[in-house]
Amino acid sequence: MDLVVNVADYYLLTPYVYPASWSEEGTLRQLLSLLVLTNLGAMVLYLGLGAISYYFMFDHTLMKHPHFLENQVRREIKYALTSLPVISIPTVALFFAEVRGYSKLYDNVTDYPMGWPMVFLSMVSYLLFTDMCIYWIHRFLHHKVMYKLFHKPHHVWKVASPFASHAFHPVDGFLQGLPYHIYPFLFPLHKVLYLALYIFVNIWTISIHDGNYQLPGPLVEVINGAAHHTDHHLLFDYNYGQYFTLWDRLGGSYRHPSALMGNGPLDLIRRLTAEGKLGPNKGQSNGQKEAPCKEE
């Protein structure tokens, strides 16, 4: 995050915001800057990427599904925008430690003997490490106590829109984001790559909530996409993974996506519409669904 803070200091904060007496290295100034930049960045990524996904990727037919709530998109956005500032507080503490030099982030590719191969390997290890951690954190959040306290609000969105991607209870959101921030304290990572991966994580989180169930055939068994994650929201205890299906397979929680077997949300909508049980705007069905929406 020091790259972002340095750019903000150079172009905006030093000449226009802070008094000249406030050193750029001052603790209070850095904390305030990180708090503002983290919140602005999170909201721009969430609203900007969410809007792109909502208007260009999301199949709005899903809004006819019996489990798509009234005013759901507005409620998702409101919940996310309420939670993100709270999540940012402990996140800023980690960013502050990075800015102060306690992490293993580095500036130049030549800082490590392996050079560019190290950059590539760190990208792969980042994805594998965070995928593993999030799987177990996510399963932990499905323990009946943790679920009722923290994770249940996210499962209100049984058929999600892209804006459900960040609509978490603050504790839930921070815990599931923690592996991304812990990695650079454990392993070397280039600072630019860290920022790029941070943006990628936000894109991916939105993409698995966007209702676009298409994946090239061979990747369906490897990549945890929107179709897999939709089953997680609807059926509760399957497909906890973030990027890959590896840990779901090892943990016995993998389920081949219902949407790819003709039994997903869009299939239900088509059946209900054909039977005259679903109106053209939304309508209400008789409660029929693909499978029981299980919750603990």
Foldseek 3Di string as FASTA:
>chain_A
DVVVLVVCCVPPCVPDNDPVVDDSPDPVNLLVSQLVVQLVVVVCLLVVLLVCLQVPPFDCLLCLFQLNDDVNLVVLLVLLNVQSSVLSPVVSVLVSCVNVPLFQEDAAQVVDVVRPVLQVVLVVVLQVQLQVQQLVLLVVCQPPVNVVVWVVQLLSCLQAALSSLRNTHNVSNNSSCVSLSCSRRPDYHYPVVSVVVVSVLSNQSSQLNRNRPDDPVVCLQWFCGVLQVSCCSQAPQADSTRTTCVVRVVVVRHDRGCVVVLFDSVSVSVVCVVVVQTDPVHHHHPPDHSDHRDGD
